[in-house]
Amino acid sequence: MHISIAFAVFLLLKLEKGTFFELPGDFKIPSKLWLFFITIVLYGCTEGTFGSFGAIILKNQGLDNSKASLGLSLFWGGIALNRLLFGIFSRKNDLSYLFLFSPLAVAGSLLMLLFASNVNIIVLMMFLIGFFMGSIFPGSIGWGTVEFPTLSVVVSGFLMAANQVGTGIITNVLGSLSDQTNIIFQFLIVCMILICLLLFYLKRNSKIKEAF
């Protein structure tokens, strides 16, 4: 009942027309923004892999249900912690290179996870993978918004969609490969290396210092 009333009131509101809600009458997606899109699609593949198949992957690595759940929790906890710390320290520190090299740190952690057999090391690698992944998605949106200030709404929506595209692709593809841990890790390592290369390419003549 309360929701219905609130919705009815919202429909009766009259919003003043302003430039914030307007999009250019005729525009095309800049080519540089498409590179941000590809970057986030690859990120979405990685996040979607652990989000959808993380527990299965960890069980394939020899962990029982409780340890697999712990590893997955630490993965998401690492993402959250990184984003919190990034928000705190980016105000007074230049964290651009930490952001740029974070995909390589993820790739290295994935490589260690691939060959690890000790439960504690596996769980620790899950935390580190999540931690170093934490800044890639919000950092790319923030950077893209700085690069295209007149398209800030488009940038945010476009990159959010890219994340969902990557998650959707990997969820459908890995359904038949969830037991092929080596192949999955190799694919994710390649994704992270490609992300790093794309970020450094985008860095050229960019406003990255303003974003970080």
Protein backbone atom coordinates (compact mmCIF):
# COMPACT_ATOMS: atom_id res chain seq x y z
CA MET A 1 0.00 0.00 0.00
CA HIS A 2 2.74 2.45 0.99
CA ILE A 3 4.71 1.58 -2.16
CA SER A 4 1.63 2.23 -4.33
CA ILE A 5 1.07 5.63 -2.73
CA ALA A 6 4.74 6.59 -3.11
CA PHE A 7 4.69 5.52 -6.76
CA ALA A 8 1.53 7.58 -7.41
CA VAL A 9 3.12 10.64 -5.81
CA PHE A 10 6.25 10.15 -7.90
CA LEU A 11 4.16 10.12 -11.09
CA LEU A 12 2.62 13.46 -10.11
CA LEU A 13 5.99 15.14 -9.60
CA LYS A 14 7.02 17.70 -12.18
CA LEU A 15 10.75 17.82 -12.76
CA GLU A 16 12.29 20.96 -14.17
CA LYS A 17 14.02 20.37 -17.45
CA GLY A 18 17.75 20.78 -17.00
CA THR A 19 20.95 19.99 -18.80
CA PHE A 20 21.75 17.15 -16.38
CA PHE A 21 18.92 15.05 -17.80
CA GLU A 22 19.62 15.89 -21.40
CA LEU A 23 21.70 13.92 -23.89
CA PRO A 24 23.17 15.50 -26.99
CA GLY A 25 20.75 15.48 -29.89
CA ASP A 26 23.19 13.68 -32.15
CA PHE A 27 26.21 11.82 -30.86
CA LYS A 28 28.13 8.60 -31.29
CA ILE A 29 30.06 6.53 -28.76
CA PRO A 30 33.71 7.69 -28.89
CA SER A 31 36.16 4.99 -29.96
CA LYS A 32 38.08 5.40 -26.71
CA LEU A 33 34.93 4.64 -24.74
CA TRP A 34 34.57 1.38 -26.66
CA LEU A 35 38.00 0.39 -25.31
CA PHE A 36 36.72 1.06 -21.78
CA PHE A 37 33.74 -1.13 -22.70
CA ILE A 38 35.98 -4.02 -23.80
CA THR A 39 38.03 -3.64 -20.61
CA ILE A 40 34.95 -3.97 -18.42
CA VAL A 41 33.58 -6.89 -20.44
CA LEU A 42 36.82 -8.75 -19.66
CA TYR A 43 36.54 -7.70 -16.03
CA GLY A 44 32.93 -8.91 -15.98
CA CYS A 45 34.11 -12.30 -17.25
CA THR A 46 36.48 -12.58 -14.30
CA GLU A 47 34.03 -11.36 -11.69
CA GLY A 48 31.28 -13.54 -13.15
CA THR A 49 33.52 -16.60 -13.05
CA PHE A 50 34.04 -16.34 -9.31
CA GLY A 51 30.52 -15.13 -8.67
CA SER A 52 28.89 -18.04 -10.48
CA PHE A 53 31.48 -20.82 -10.28
CA GLY A 54 33.81 -19.80 -7.45
CA ALA A 55 32.68 -22.51 -5.06
CA ILE A 56 32.95 -25.19 -7.76
CA ILE A 57 36.44 -24.03 -8.74
CA LEU A 58 37.62 -24.11 -5.12
CA LYS A 59 36.19 -27.59 -4.62
CA ASN A 60 38.07 -28.68 -7.72
CA GLN A 61 41.19 -27.34 -5.98
CA GLY A 62 40.55 -29.76 -3.11
CA LEU A 63 38.66 -27.56 -0.64
CA ASP A 64 35.64 -28.81 1.29
CA ASN A 65 32.35 -26.89 1.38
CA SER A 66 33.21 -24.75 4.41
CA LYS A 67 36.64 -23.74 3.10
CA ALA A 68 35.22 -23.05 -0.36
CA SER A 69 32.59 -20.78 1.20
CA LEU A 70 35.31 -19.04 3.22
CA GLY A 71 37.42 -18.50 0.11
CA LEU A 72 34.51 -17.04 -1.80
CA SER A 73 33.60 -14.77 1.12
CA LEU A 74 37.19 -13.53 1.30
CA PHE A 75 37.12 -12.86 -2.43
CA TRP A 76 34.11 -10.53 -2.08
CA GLY A 77 35.53 -9.11 1.13
CA GLY A 78 38.76 -8.27 -0.69
CA ILE A 79 36.83 -6.40 -3.38
CA ALA A 80 34.91 -4.41 -0.77
CA LEU A 81 38.04 -3.61 1.26
CA ASN A 82 39.95 -2.40 -1.78
CA ARG A 83 37.12 -0.09 -2.82
CA LEU A 84 36.89 1.30 0.71
CA LEU A 85 40.64 1.95 0.95
CA PHE A 86 40.77 3.37 -2.57
CA GLY A 87 38.05 5.84 -1.67
CA ILE A 88 39.89 6.88 1.47
CA PHE A 89 43.44 7.23 0.13
CA SER A 90 42.76 8.45 -3.41
CA ARG A 91 41.75 11.86 -2.03
CA LYS A 92 45.33 12.74 -1.10
CA ASN A 93 47.43 10.21 -3.03
CA ASP A 94 48.01 9.40 -6.68
CA LEU A 95 46.85 5.79 -6.96
CA SER A 96 46.79 5.68 -10.75
CA TYR A 97 49.68 3.24 -11.10
CA LEU A 98 48.26 0.97 -8.40
CA PHE A 99 45.10 0.91 -10.49
CA LEU A 100 46.97 0.31 -13.76
CA PHE A 101 49.04 -2.59 -12.41
CA SER A 102 46.24 -4.21 -10.41
CA PRO A 103 45.27 -6.56 -13.30
CA LEU A 104 48.83 -7.95 -13.31
CA ALA A 105 48.58 -8.52 -9.55
CA VAL A 106 45.34 -10.42 -10.16
CA ALA A 107 47.01 -12.45 -12.93
CA GLY A 108 49.90 -13.35 -10.61
CA SER A 109 47.51 -14.37 -7.83
CA LEU A 110 45.53 -16.50 -10.28
CA LEU A 111 48.74 -18.20 -11.38
CA MET A 112 49.62 -18.99 -7.77
CA LEU A 113 46.09 -20.23 -7.13
CA LEU A 114 46.38 -22.53 -10.14
CA PHE A 115 49.37 -24.37 -8.69
CA ALA A 116 48.60 -24.04 -4.97
CA SER A 117 47.73 -27.14 -2.98
CA ASN A 118 47.80 -25.73 0.55
CA VAL A 119 44.32 -24.74 1.74
CA ASN A 120 45.52 -21.62 3.54
CA ILE A 121 47.39 -20.38 0.48
CA ILE A 122 44.36 -21.00 -1.74
CA VAL A 123 42.12 -19.03 0.61
CA LEU A 124 44.70 -16.22 0.82
CA MET A 125 44.95 -16.05 -2.98
CA MET A 126 41.17 -15.70 -3.20
CA PHE A 127 41.36 -12.68 -0.93
CA LEU A 128 44.21 -11.14 -2.95
CA ILE A 129 42.42 -11.74 -6.25
CA GLY A 130 39.35 -9.96 -4.92
CA PHE A 131 41.44 -7.19 -3.37
CA PHE A 132 43.35 -6.33 -6.53
CA MET A 133 40.20 -6.60 -8.65
CA GLY A 134 38.39 -4.16 -6.39
CA SER A 135 39.43 -0.93 -8.07
CA ILE A 136 39.19 -2.00 -11.72
CA PHE A 137 35.45 -1.58 -12.21
CA PRO A 138 34.71 1.62 -10.23
CA GLY A 139 38.08 3.07 -11.25
CA SER A 140 37.27 2.60 -14.93
CA ILE A 141 33.87 4.27 -14.52
CA GLY A 142 35.43 7.20 -12.64
CA TRP A 143 38.19 7.55 -15.19
CA GLY A 144 35.77 7.29 -18.12
CA THR A 145 33.58 9.97 -16.58
CA VAL A 146 36.58 12.30 -16.31
CA GLU A 147 37.55 11.58 -19.92
CA PHE A 148 34.03 12.28 -21.18
CA PRO A 149 32.48 14.79 -18.77
CA THR A 150 29.63 15.66 -21.14
CA LEU A 151 28.69 11.97 -21.41
CA SER A 152 28.93 11.05 -17.74
CA VAL A 153 25.49 9.39 -17.67
CA VAL A 154 26.27 7.47 -20.85
CA VAL A 155 29.66 6.35 -19.52
CA SER A 156 28.18 5.02 -16.27
CA GLY A 157 25.35 3.15 -17.98
CA PHE A 158 27.57 1.90 -20.81
CA LEU A 159 30.17 0.42 -18.47
CA MET A 160 27.56 -1.04 -16.12
CA ALA A 161 26.11 -2.78 -19.17
CA ALA A 162 29.61 -3.97 -20.14
CA ASN A 163 30.01 -5.64 -16.76
CA GLN A 164 26.70 -7.44 -17.21
CA VAL A 165 27.69 -8.51 -20.73
CA GLY A 166 30.91 -10.05 -19.44
CA THR A 167 29.11 -11.79 -16.59
CA GLY A 168 26.44 -13.10 -18.95
CA ILE A 169 28.96 -14.41 -21.47
CA ILE A 170 31.03 -16.27 -18.90
CA THR A 171 27.99 -17.68 -17.09
CA ASN A 172 26.74 -19.28 -20.30
CA VAL A 173 30.14 -20.44 -21.57
CA LEU A 174 31.54 -21.92 -18.36
CA GLY A 175 28.51 -24.08 -17.65
CA SER A 176 30.13 -26.96 -19.56
CA LEU A 177 33.69 -26.13 -18.47
CA SER A 178 33.28 -25.66 -14.73
CA ASP A 179 35.38 -28.75 -14.01
CA GLN A 180 38.22 -27.61 -16.30
CA THR A 181 40.01 -25.53 -13.67
CA ASN A 182 43.28 -25.17 -15.59
CA ILE A 183 41.52 -23.85 -18.71
CA ILE A 184 39.45 -21.42 -16.63
CA PHE A 185 42.49 -20.02 -14.83
CA GLN A 186 44.46 -19.68 -18.06
CA PHE A 187 41.55 -17.81 -19.63
CA LEU A 188 41.24 -15.45 -16.66
CA ILE A 189 44.99 -14.76 -16.64
CA VAL A 190 44.81 -13.82 -20.32
CA CYS A 191 41.82 -11.56 -19.57
CA MET A 192 43.77 -9.74 -16.87
CA ILE A 193 46.82 -9.27 -19.08
CA LEU A 194 44.60 -7.87 -21.83
CA ILE A 195 42.94 -5.52 -19.32
CA CYS A 196 46.36 -4.24 -18.23
CA LEU A 197 47.40 -3.63 -21.85
CA LEU A 198 44.14 -1.82 -22.58
CA LEU A 199 44.48 0.38 -19.50
CA PHE A 200 48.02 1.42 -20.42
CA TYR A 201 46.89 2.11 -23.99
CA LEU A 202 44.02 4.25 -22.69
CA LYS A 203 46.47 6.08 -20.42
CA ARG A 204 48.16 7.79 -23.36
CA ASN A 205 47.17 11.46 -23.54
CA SER A 206 44.45 10.81 -20.98
CA LYS A 207 43.14 12.57 -17.86
CA ILE A 208 43.91 9.63 -15.58
CA LYS A 209 45.68 11.85 -13.03
CA GLU A 210 42.46 13.80 -12.56
CA ALA A 211 40.54 10.58 -11.92
CA PHE A 212 42.96 9.20 -9.33
